[in-house]
Protein backbone atom coordinates (compact mmCIF):
# COMPACT_ATOMS: atom_id res chain seq x y z
CA MET A 1 20.08 -6.27 -22.89
CA ALA A 2 19.83 -9.16 -20.48
CA GLN A 3 21.61 -12.19 -21.88
CA ALA A 4 20.08 -15.48 -22.87
CA THR A 5 22.95 -17.89 -23.28
CA ASP A 6 22.76 -20.31 -26.18
CA MET A 7 23.36 -23.95 -25.37
CA PRO A 8 24.87 -26.72 -27.57
CA ARG A 9 22.35 -28.11 -30.13
CA ASN A 10 21.79 -31.73 -30.96
CA GLU A 11 21.34 -31.09 -34.68
CA THR A 12 21.08 -34.78 -35.72
CA GLY A 13 18.63 -35.61 -32.97
CA ILE A 14 16.51 -32.48 -33.72
CA ASP A 15 16.32 -33.28 -37.43
CA THR A 16 15.31 -36.88 -36.82
CA ALA A 17 12.69 -35.96 -34.12
CA LEU A 18 11.14 -33.25 -36.28
CA GLY A 19 10.71 -35.66 -39.13
CA ILE A 20 8.94 -38.21 -36.92
CA LEU A 21 6.71 -35.54 -35.27
CA LYS A 22 5.71 -34.07 -38.62
CA GLN A 23 4.46 -37.48 -39.72
CA GLN A 24 2.58 -38.06 -36.40
CA PHE A 25 0.91 -34.65 -36.07
CA GLY A 26 0.38 -33.35 -39.57
CA GLU A 27 -1.11 -29.83 -39.49
CA ARG A 28 -0.64 -29.62 -35.75
CA PHE A 29 3.14 -29.62 -36.34
CA GLN A 30 4.36 -26.17 -37.33
CA MET A 31 7.78 -24.80 -38.31
CA GLY A 32 6.83 -21.38 -39.60
CA ALA A 33 9.19 -18.64 -38.48
CA ALA A 34 6.44 -16.41 -36.96
CA ILE A 35 4.89 -19.32 -34.95
CA ARG A 36 8.32 -20.39 -33.70
CA GLU A 37 9.21 -16.82 -32.64
CA GLN A 38 5.89 -16.42 -30.89
CA HIS A 39 6.67 -19.55 -28.85
CA GLY A 40 10.01 -18.22 -27.84
CA HIS A 41 8.20 -15.04 -26.87
CA THR A 42 9.22 -13.36 -23.68
CA THR A 43 7.53 -10.42 -22.14
CA THR A 44 10.75 -9.11 -20.62
CA TRP A 45 13.98 -7.93 -22.29
CA ILE A 46 15.63 -11.35 -22.59
CA ARG A 47 16.54 -12.21 -26.17
CA ASN A 48 14.07 -14.44 -28.03
CA GLN A 49 15.32 -17.99 -28.57
CA ALA A 50 12.83 -19.76 -30.80
CA PRO A 51 12.23 -23.50 -30.80
CA ASP A 52 12.72 -25.49 -34.01
CA ALA A 53 9.07 -26.51 -34.18
CA VAL A 54 5.78 -26.25 -32.35
CA VAL A 55 3.34 -29.12 -31.76
CA PHE A 56 -0.26 -28.22 -30.78
CA ALA A 57 -1.26 -30.91 -28.30
CA ARG A 58 -4.88 -31.88 -27.58
CA SER A 59 -4.42 -34.56 -24.93
CA THR A 60 -2.11 -36.10 -22.43
CA ASP A 61 -1.44 -38.84 -25.00
CA ASP A 62 -0.31 -36.19 -27.44
CA VAL A 63 2.12 -34.72 -24.95
CA ALA A 64 3.44 -38.14 -24.01
CA ALA A 65 3.97 -39.01 -27.71
CA VAL A 66 6.01 -35.85 -28.30
CA VAL A 67 8.11 -36.38 -25.19
CA LYS A 68 8.85 -40.00 -26.02
CA VAL A 69 10.12 -39.04 -29.49
CA CYS A 70 12.18 -36.23 -28.06
CA ALA A 71 13.56 -38.43 -25.27
CA ALA A 72 14.63 -41.10 -27.78
CA HIS A 73 16.64 -38.52 -29.71
CA LYS A 74 17.67 -36.27 -26.78
CA VAL A 75 15.82 -33.21 -28.04
CA PRO A 76 14.66 -30.38 -25.73
CA VAL A 77 11.00 -30.04 -24.83
CA ILE A 78 9.47 -26.71 -23.71
CA ALA A 79 5.85 -26.40 -22.60
CA PHE A 80 3.92 -23.28 -23.73
CA GLY A 81 0.66 -21.94 -22.26
CA THR A 82 -0.13 -18.26 -23.02
CA GLY A 83 3.42 -16.84 -23.06
CA THR A 84 2.86 -14.37 -20.22
CA SER A 85 5.82 -15.49 -18.13
CA LEU A 86 8.39 -12.75 -17.34
CA GLU A 87 11.83 -14.44 -17.04
CA GLY A 88 12.34 -16.14 -20.32
CA HIS A 89 10.69 -19.42 -19.26
CA VAL A 90 9.58 -20.42 -22.82
CA ASN A 91 12.81 -19.70 -24.61
CA ALA A 92 14.63 -22.59 -26.35
CA PRO A 93 18.31 -21.93 -25.78
CA ALA A 94 19.21 -25.37 -27.23
CA GLY A 95 16.47 -25.45 -29.83
CA GLY A 96 13.93 -28.30 -29.68
CA VAL A 97 10.18 -28.65 -29.65
CA SER A 98 7.58 -26.37 -28.06
CA ILE A 99 4.44 -28.16 -26.89
CA ASP A 100 1.60 -25.70 -27.10
CA VAL A 101 -1.24 -26.75 -24.73
CA THR A 102 -3.72 -24.01 -25.66
CA GLN A 103 -6.08 -26.59 -27.22
CA MET A 104 -6.03 -28.61 -24.01
CA ASP A 105 -8.61 -26.22 -22.58
CA ALA A 106 -11.28 -28.40 -20.99
CA VAL A 107 -12.67 -28.03 -17.47
CA VAL A 108 -12.76 -31.81 -16.85
CA GLU A 109 -14.95 -31.79 -13.81
CA VAL A 110 -16.20 -29.57 -10.99
CA ASN A 111 -17.01 -31.08 -7.62
CA ALA A 112 -19.00 -28.24 -6.06
CA GLY A 113 -19.65 -30.16 -2.81
CA ASP A 114 -15.92 -30.71 -2.25
CA LEU A 115 -14.84 -27.28 -3.57
CA ASP A 116 -12.42 -28.64 -6.20
CA CYS A 117 -12.14 -29.13 -9.92
CA ARG A 118 -9.93 -30.75 -12.53
CA VAL A 119 -8.71 -28.75 -15.54
CA GLN A 120 -6.43 -29.22 -18.50
CA PRO A 121 -3.42 -26.90 -18.58
CA GLY A 122 -4.60 -24.64 -21.36
CA VAL A 123 -7.64 -23.39 -19.35
CA THR A 124 -7.04 -19.78 -18.40
CA ARG A 125 -7.94 -18.35 -14.96
CA GLU A 126 -10.62 -16.11 -16.47
CA ALA A 127 -12.17 -18.96 -18.44
CA LEU A 128 -12.28 -21.16 -15.32
CA ASN A 129 -13.97 -18.41 -13.27
CA THR A 130 -16.52 -17.80 -16.04
CA HIS A 131 -17.26 -21.54 -16.01
CA LEU A 132 -17.64 -21.58 -12.22
CA ARG A 133 -19.69 -18.45 -11.75
CA ASP A 134 -23.14 -20.05 -12.04
CA GLN A 135 -22.17 -22.52 -9.30
CA GLY A 136 -21.32 -19.84 -6.81
CA LEU A 137 -17.61 -20.72 -6.92
CA PHE A 138 -14.42 -19.09 -7.97
CA PHE A 139 -10.67 -19.80 -8.27
CA PRO A 140 -8.85 -17.00 -6.35
CA ILE A 141 -5.37 -16.88 -7.75
CA ASP A 142 -5.05 -13.73 -9.88
CA PRO A 143 -1.63 -12.91 -11.31
CA GLY A 144 -3.06 -10.08 -13.38
CA ALA A 145 -2.48 -11.58 -16.81
CA ASN A 146 -5.05 -14.04 -18.09
CA ALA A 147 -2.47 -16.81 -17.75
CA SER A 148 -3.05 -20.49 -18.37
CA LEU A 149 -3.52 -22.67 -15.24
CA GLY A 150 -0.79 -24.99 -16.44
CA GLY A 151 1.68 -22.08 -16.68
CA MET A 152 0.50 -20.74 -13.32
CA THR A 153 1.13 -24.10 -11.73
CA ALA A 154 4.54 -24.53 -13.37
CA THR A 155 5.70 -21.11 -12.20
CA ARG A 156 4.09 -21.24 -8.74
CA ALA A 157 2.14 -18.13 -9.55
CA SER A 158 0.70 -15.68 -7.11
CA GLY A 159 -1.19 -12.40 -7.29
CA THR A 160 -3.45 -9.90 -5.64
CA ASN A 161 -5.51 -12.40 -3.61
CA ALA A 162 -2.55 -14.31 -2.12
CA VAL A 163 -2.61 -12.52 1.21
CA ARG A 164 -5.89 -14.36 2.04
CA TYR A 165 -6.03 -17.35 -0.32
CA GLY A 166 -2.35 -18.19 -0.77
CA THR A 167 -0.43 -18.90 -3.94
CA MET A 168 -0.61 -21.79 -6.50
CA LYS A 169 1.29 -24.05 -4.08
CA ASP A 170 -1.54 -23.69 -1.56
CA ASN A 171 -4.34 -24.30 -4.09
CA VAL A 172 -3.08 -27.29 -6.19
CA LEU A 173 -4.20 -30.63 -4.77
CA ALA A 174 -2.60 -32.81 -7.46
CA VAL A 175 -1.19 -32.74 -10.98
CA GLU A 176 -0.91 -35.13 -13.87
CA ALA A 177 2.39 -34.77 -15.65
CA VAL A 178 4.40 -36.34 -18.42
CA MET A 179 7.94 -36.96 -17.23
CA ALA A 180 11.19 -36.85 -19.24
CA ASP A 181 10.91 -40.47 -20.47
CA GLY A 182 7.26 -40.02 -21.50
CA THR A 183 5.88 -41.74 -18.38
CA VAL A 184 2.54 -40.20 -17.20
CA ILE A 185 2.22 -39.80 -13.45
CA ARG A 186 -0.43 -38.46 -11.08
CA THR A 187 0.95 -36.93 -7.90
CA GLY A 188 -2.12 -37.15 -5.62
CA ALA A 189 -5.85 -37.48 -5.25
CA ARG A 190 -8.72 -35.08 -4.34
CA ALA A 191 -8.34 -35.56 -0.60
CA ARG A 192 -7.50 -32.31 1.24
CA LYS A 193 -4.52 -33.91 2.98
CA SER A 194 -2.28 -36.88 2.57
CA SER A 195 0.76 -38.39 4.30
CA ALA A 196 1.43 -40.84 1.43
CA GLY A 197 5.04 -40.62 0.37
CA TYR A 198 7.06 -37.68 -0.98
CA ASP A 199 5.10 -34.54 -1.78
CA LEU A 200 5.48 -34.73 -5.58
CA THR A 201 2.71 -32.16 -6.10
CA ARG A 202 4.78 -29.44 -4.48
CA LEU A 203 7.83 -30.62 -6.40
CA MET A 204 6.06 -30.10 -9.69
CA VAL A 205 4.41 -26.84 -8.64
CA GLY A 206 7.11 -24.21 -9.48
CA SER A 207 9.35 -26.61 -11.38
CA GLU A 208 8.90 -24.40 -14.47
CA GLY A 209 8.73 -27.36 -16.89
CA THR A 210 12.25 -28.56 -15.99
CA LEU A 211 11.00 -31.90 -14.56
CA GLY A 212 7.95 -32.72 -16.64
CA VAL A 213 5.02 -31.22 -18.66
CA ILE A 214 1.87 -30.67 -16.60
CA THR A 215 -1.19 -32.04 -18.38
CA GLU A 216 -3.92 -31.77 -15.79
CA ILE A 217 -4.37 -29.93 -12.49
CA THR A 218 -6.71 -30.61 -9.55
CA LEU A 219 -7.45 -27.24 -7.85
CA LYS A 220 -9.08 -26.05 -4.69
CA LEU A 221 -12.01 -23.67 -5.15
CA GLN A 222 -13.71 -21.11 -2.98
CA GLY A 223 -17.29 -20.02 -2.56
CA ILE A 224 -18.08 -16.57 -3.89
CA PRO A 225 -18.33 -14.39 -0.74
CA GLU A 226 -21.67 -13.12 0.43
CA ALA A 227 -20.32 -9.58 0.46
CA ILE A 228 -17.27 -7.90 -1.14
CA SER A 229 -16.01 -4.40 -0.41
CA SER A 230 -13.18 -2.67 -2.17
CA ALA A 231 -11.44 0.35 -0.74
CA ARG A 232 -8.61 2.81 -1.32
CA CYS A 233 -6.60 4.95 1.03
CA SER A 234 -3.87 7.51 0.44
CA PHE A 235 -0.81 7.99 2.66
CA PRO A 236 1.81 10.70 3.07
CA SER A 237 4.66 8.26 2.36
CA VAL A 238 5.45 4.70 1.35
CA GLU A 239 6.65 4.11 4.92
CA ALA A 240 3.24 5.10 6.29
CA ALA A 241 1.46 2.82 3.89
CA CYS A 242 3.70 -0.12 4.65
CA GLU A 243 3.36 0.44 8.46
CA THR A 244 -0.39 0.22 7.97
CA VAL A 245 0.01 -3.06 6.14
CA GLN A 246 2.10 -4.45 8.95
CA SER A 247 -0.56 -3.37 11.44
CA VAL A 248 -3.27 -5.07 9.34
CA ILE A 249 -1.31 -8.37 9.32
CA GLN A 250 -0.44 -8.22 13.00
CA TYR A 251 -4.09 -7.40 13.88
CA GLY A 252 -5.21 -10.47 11.98
CA LEU A 253 -7.61 -8.56 9.79
CA PRO A 254 -8.66 -11.07 7.08
CA VAL A 255 -8.12 -8.72 4.14
CA ALA A 256 -8.42 -10.50 0.77
CA ARG A 257 -6.17 -8.05 -1.21
CA ILE A 258 -3.96 -5.23 -0.15
CA GLU A 259 -1.98 -3.62 -2.94
CA LEU A 260 0.61 -0.82 -2.78
CA LEU A 261 0.97 1.79 -5.49
CA ASP A 262 3.72 4.40 -5.20
CA ALA A 263 3.08 8.00 -6.13
CA MET A 264 4.43 7.57 -9.63
CA VAL A 265 2.06 4.68 -10.35
CA VAL A 266 -0.90 6.60 -9.03
CA ARG A 267 -0.03 9.48 -11.37
CA ALA A 268 0.23 7.11 -14.28
CA VAL A 269 -3.13 5.45 -13.46
CA ASN A 270 -4.81 8.82 -13.20
CA GLY A 271 -3.66 9.72 -16.69
CA TYR A 272 -4.40 6.35 -18.21
CA ALA A 273 -7.83 5.65 -16.62
CA LYS A 274 -8.99 9.30 -16.39
CA LEU A 275 -9.15 9.13 -12.58
CA SER A 276 -8.44 11.86 -10.00
CA LEU A 277 -6.79 9.95 -7.18
CA PRO A 278 -4.47 11.82 -4.84
CA GLU A 279 -1.02 11.42 -6.30
CA THR A 280 0.63 10.07 -3.15
CA PRO A 281 1.35 6.45 -2.15
CA MET A 282 -1.88 4.45 -2.01
CA LEU A 283 -3.23 1.15 -0.74
CA LEU A 284 -6.03 -0.67 -2.66
CA LEU A 285 -7.88 -3.22 -0.62
CA GLU A 286 -10.61 -5.80 -0.78
CA PHE A 287 -12.61 -7.47 2.00
CA HIS A 288 -14.59 -10.68 1.68
CA GLY A 289 -17.17 -12.12 4.02
CA SER A 290 -20.66 -11.62 5.36
CA ASP A 291 -22.42 -8.27 5.07
CA ALA A 292 -21.76 -7.55 8.77
CA GLY A 293 -18.21 -8.93 8.62
CA VAL A 294 -17.20 -6.77 5.61
CA VAL A 295 -18.52 -3.63 7.36
CA GLU A 296 -16.51 -4.52 10.51
CA GLN A 297 -13.37 -5.14 8.43
CA THR A 298 -13.61 -1.83 6.53
CA GLU A 299 -14.16 0.09 9.76
CA THR A 300 -11.22 -1.62 11.49
CA PHE A 301 -8.91 -0.85 8.52
CA ALA A 302 -10.02 2.80 8.57
CA ALA A 303 -8.92 3.05 12.16
CA LEU A 304 -5.56 1.41 11.53
CA ALA A 305 -4.93 3.64 8.49
CA ASP A 306 -5.82 6.78 10.48
CA GLU A 307 -3.07 5.96 12.96
CA ASN A 308 -0.55 6.14 10.13
CA GLY A 309 -1.85 9.29 8.48
CA GLY A 310 -4.15 7.72 5.99
CA THR A 311 -6.48 10.07 4.14
CA ASP A 312 -9.18 10.09 1.53
CA TYR A 313 -10.36 6.58 2.61
CA GLN A 314 -13.19 5.39 0.43
CA ALA A 315 -14.91 1.98 0.32
CA THR A 316 -17.58 0.56 -1.95
CA THR A 317 -19.57 -2.61 -2.37
CA THR A 318 -20.92 -1.68 -5.77
CA MET A 319 -19.65 -4.13 -8.37
CA GLU A 320 -19.21 -1.46 -11.07
CA GLU A 321 -17.07 0.72 -8.76
CA ARG A 322 -15.10 -2.28 -7.44
CA ASN A 323 -14.37 -3.42 -11.00
CA LYS A 324 -13.28 0.06 -11.99
CA LEU A 325 -10.87 0.27 -9.02
CA TRP A 326 -9.28 -3.07 -9.67
CA GLN A 327 -9.15 -2.58 -13.41
CA ALA A 328 -7.02 0.50 -12.70
CA ARG A 329 -4.67 -1.74 -10.77
CA HIS A 330 -4.48 -4.36 -13.48
CA ASP A 331 -3.93 -1.67 -16.06
CA ALA A 332 -1.03 -0.21 -14.16
CA TYR A 333 1.47 -1.77 -16.64
CA TRP A 334 -0.05 0.03 -19.59
CA ALA A 335 -0.47 3.16 -17.57
CA MET A 336 3.21 3.17 -16.63
CA LEU A 337 4.24 2.82 -20.28
CA ALA A 338 2.44 6.07 -20.98
CA LEU A 339 4.80 7.85 -18.58
CA ARG A 340 7.52 7.47 -21.18
CA PRO A 341 6.09 6.83 -24.68
CA GLY A 342 8.17 4.60 -26.91
CA CYS A 343 9.92 2.91 -23.96
CA LYS A 344 9.91 -0.74 -22.97
CA ALA A 345 8.83 -1.73 -19.46
CA VAL A 346 11.03 -4.29 -17.78
CA ALA A 347 9.34 -5.75 -14.75
CA THR A 348 11.20 -7.41 -11.95
CA ASP A 349 10.00 -8.68 -8.56
CA VAL A 350 11.37 -9.46 -5.12
CA CYS A 351 9.82 -10.35 -1.82
CA VAL A 352 10.92 -9.46 1.71
CA PRO A 353 9.55 -9.98 5.19
CA ILE A 354 6.69 -7.54 5.73
CA SER A 355 8.60 -5.73 8.44
CA ARG A 356 11.28 -4.86 5.87
CA LEU A 357 8.90 -3.84 3.06
CA ALA A 358 8.94 -0.06 3.73
CA GLU A 359 12.72 -0.06 3.89
CA ALA A 360 13.12 -2.12 0.74
CA VAL A 361 10.68 -0.01 -1.29
CA GLY A 362 12.25 3.22 -0.03
CA ARG A 363 15.74 2.04 -0.87
CA ALA A 364 14.61 0.87 -4.33
CA ASN A 365 13.15 4.30 -5.06
CA ALA A 366 16.32 6.00 -3.91
CA LYS A 367 18.53 3.62 -5.94
CA ALA A 368 16.49 4.22 -9.09
CA ALA A 369 16.87 7.94 -8.61
CA GLU A 370 20.61 7.62 -8.02
CA LEU A 371 20.92 5.73 -11.34
CA ASP A 372 18.66 8.21 -13.15
CA LEU A 373 16.05 5.49 -13.90
CA ILE A 374 12.30 5.69 -14.02
CA ALA A 375 11.11 2.71 -11.97
CA PRO A 376 7.54 2.95 -10.62
CA ILE A 377 6.67 0.37 -7.96
CA VAL A 378 3.59 -1.65 -7.23
CA GLY A 379 3.33 -4.39 -4.70
CA HIS A 380 1.29 -7.21 -3.21
CA ALA A 381 1.94 -5.53 0.10
CA GLY A 382 0.33 -8.13 2.31
CA ASP A 383 3.01 -10.60 1.24
CA GLY A 384 6.00 -8.23 1.22
CA ASN A 385 6.23 -8.74 -2.56
CA PHE A 386 6.73 -5.82 -4.91
CA HIS A 387 7.48 -5.10 -8.55
CA ALA A 388 9.68 -2.42 -10.01
CA SER A 389 8.96 -1.67 -13.68
CA LEU A 390 11.88 0.03 -15.30
CA LEU A 391 10.89 2.24 -18.29
CA LEU A 392 13.82 2.00 -20.70
CA ASP A 393 15.03 3.21 -24.03
CA MET A 394 16.39 -0.10 -25.29
CA ASP A 395 18.58 1.71 -27.84
CA ASP A 396 20.45 3.54 -25.03
CA ALA A 397 23.16 1.06 -24.04
CA ASP A 398 24.20 3.09 -21.03
CA GLU A 399 20.66 3.22 -19.67
CA VAL A 400 20.22 -0.54 -20.20
CA ALA A 401 23.45 -1.18 -18.34
CA ARG A 402 22.22 0.99 -15.43
CA ALA A 403 18.99 -1.01 -15.41
CA GLU A 404 20.89 -4.25 -15.22
CA ASP A 405 22.87 -2.83 -12.23
CA PHE A 406 19.62 -1.83 -10.58
CA ILE A 407 18.00 -5.28 -10.98
CA SER A 408 21.10 -7.01 -9.70
CA TRP A 409 21.25 -4.63 -6.71
CA LEU A 410 17.54 -5.16 -5.97
CA ASN A 411 17.81 -8.95 -6.02
CA GLU A 412 20.78 -8.87 -3.69
CA LEU A 413 19.04 -6.38 -1.42
CA ALA A 414 16.06 -8.73 -0.99
CA ILE A 415 18.26 -11.70 -0.27
CA SER A 416 20.24 -9.63 2.31
CA MET A 417 16.93 -8.86 4.04
CA GLU A 418 16.16 -12.67 4.35
CA GLY A 419 13.78 -12.33 1.43
CA THR A 420 13.84 -13.86 -2.11
CA CYS A 421 14.93 -12.76 -5.50
CA THR A 422 11.46 -13.62 -6.83
CA GLY A 423 8.11 -13.69 -5.06
CA GLU A 424 6.09 -14.84 -8.03
CA HIS A 425 7.81 -14.30 -11.40
CA GLY A 426 9.98 -17.42 -11.05
CA ILE A 427 13.61 -18.01 -11.92
CA GLY A 428 13.54 -18.93 -15.62
CA GLN A 429 16.65 -17.50 -17.31
CA GLY A 430 16.59 -14.03 -15.86
CA LYS A 431 16.95 -14.93 -12.15
CA ARG A 432 19.38 -17.81 -12.42
CA PRO A 433 22.44 -15.87 -11.19
CA TYR A 434 20.72 -15.24 -7.85
CA LEU A 435 19.44 -18.69 -6.93
CA VAL A 436 22.69 -19.95 -5.45
CA LYS A 437 23.14 -16.68 -3.52
CA GLU A 438 19.65 -17.18 -2.00
CA LEU A 439 19.64 -20.95 -1.30
CA GLY A 440 23.30 -22.02 -1.26
CA ALA A 441 23.88 -25.79 -0.99
CA ALA A 442 20.13 -26.46 -1.44
CA VAL A 443 20.51 -25.71 -5.15
CA GLY A 444 22.79 -28.82 -5.35
CA VAL A 445 19.90 -30.90 -4.05
CA MET A 446 17.71 -29.45 -6.82
CA GLY A 447 20.44 -30.44 -9.30
CA ALA A 448 20.37 -33.98 -8.02
CA ILE A 449 16.64 -34.23 -8.43
CA LYS A 450 16.92 -32.80 -11.95
CA GLN A 451 19.60 -35.35 -12.85
CA ALA A 452 17.62 -38.25 -11.49
CA LEU A 453 14.37 -37.33 -13.26
CA ASP A 454 15.81 -35.83 -16.48
CA PRO A 455 19.28 -37.28 -16.98
CA ASP A 456 19.57 -36.00 -20.56
CA ASN A 457 18.37 -32.43 -19.58
CA ILE A 458 15.64 -32.29 -22.22
CA MET A 459 12.93 -30.71 -20.08
CA ASN A 460 13.15 -26.96 -20.55
CA PRO A 461 16.93 -26.78 -20.40
CA GLY A 462 18.70 -23.63 -19.38
CA LYS A 463 16.14 -22.63 -16.75
CA ILE A 464 16.35 -22.33 -12.97
CA LEU A 465 19.57 -24.22 -12.27
CA PRO A 466 23.06 -22.83 -12.87
CA GLU A 467 24.75 -24.32 -15.91
CA SER A 468 27.07 -26.40 -13.70
CA LEU A 469 24.15 -28.31 -12.30
CA ALA A 470 21.74 -28.40 -15.22
């Protein structure tokens, strides 16, 4: 099993801080074993490291109050949204206090004319889009899970729409955050651009709670397109599918989503969702725009796909059919589990330049076969980002060891291709060994920032930075 290293605990400080917080928060302060374990929850194979207590915050003032107490006694603070992160982000390797922001779930304001909104961190992406629907607006970042927007901001989340709408770093205008000493800062305004000082917004987006706790986010919104068409197309090989993706990007076709499913995933989806898709590599797509524009886009893609051997191309503008198609994609995780009942799925992600995607996926499939592992692959192909989900018997130590070898190999392969060890899962605990390999001396700059803003290392310790710099 992937290791989660324990860190030294400040027992005296933790005991003192917990006593104070219990007095301050009453029933919103919890130390039950089940609740603590839930808040050390990790959806990967990294060992659970539960916090010593959980505080359910309802406001920025609540968060600041918790952080001030913890700062005074040098106690770790870990923010918790919905617990859907994949690299051990919410574990508490040195103990401490988990701040649960699920009750901070207000959409503070929507400025329809300016296409922006302000939300508290506990608002989920699905809840926000439900709130926006009647105003003809939507928030496009879709990581699959119904994650909290605070967590999505902290991990610089991405998803199926990123090829057209970007990632969280492209859609966050400003954040409010509580820093390590309890100070509340705001990193920007609602203006669409600014040259005022350091870009603290981008610093906080993707910081994974290691610099501060995000308590409010100002987000860009989009108008719901006049027309939406979803499509699927099968290919004789992963290489042919990826060459089509590259053609789409080079052509400048404004595709909103373009997802790759390898043959094993298609087989799994067929069984799970009772579909009859051709069990070969497949691209799922979505086009946004005017009625005429969407028709033109679907026709152009059909021509590009045909040049690479694409077959069984089907497109639909019917909402029911579109939802069925994309639900099959979002259910791919559960479908893959059914390929090997009783196993655990361990998902990892990397991202490479689009021109290297076919090679990377092909080599990943070959490596999994060489190690006798089942590792179906899905990818946000328009970004060069893909996920391998290893289906493992966690009681088989040899198989787990082979899986660790595969993940290490895959991370290093991506870095060798001038890619990244993570396109959207983040570093957390699981990817820490690869950050220095990817960024070199730049990691030292990150360490200097961390030391300046959090000298006692109380903000989500044990994440992102190697131990020597944390």
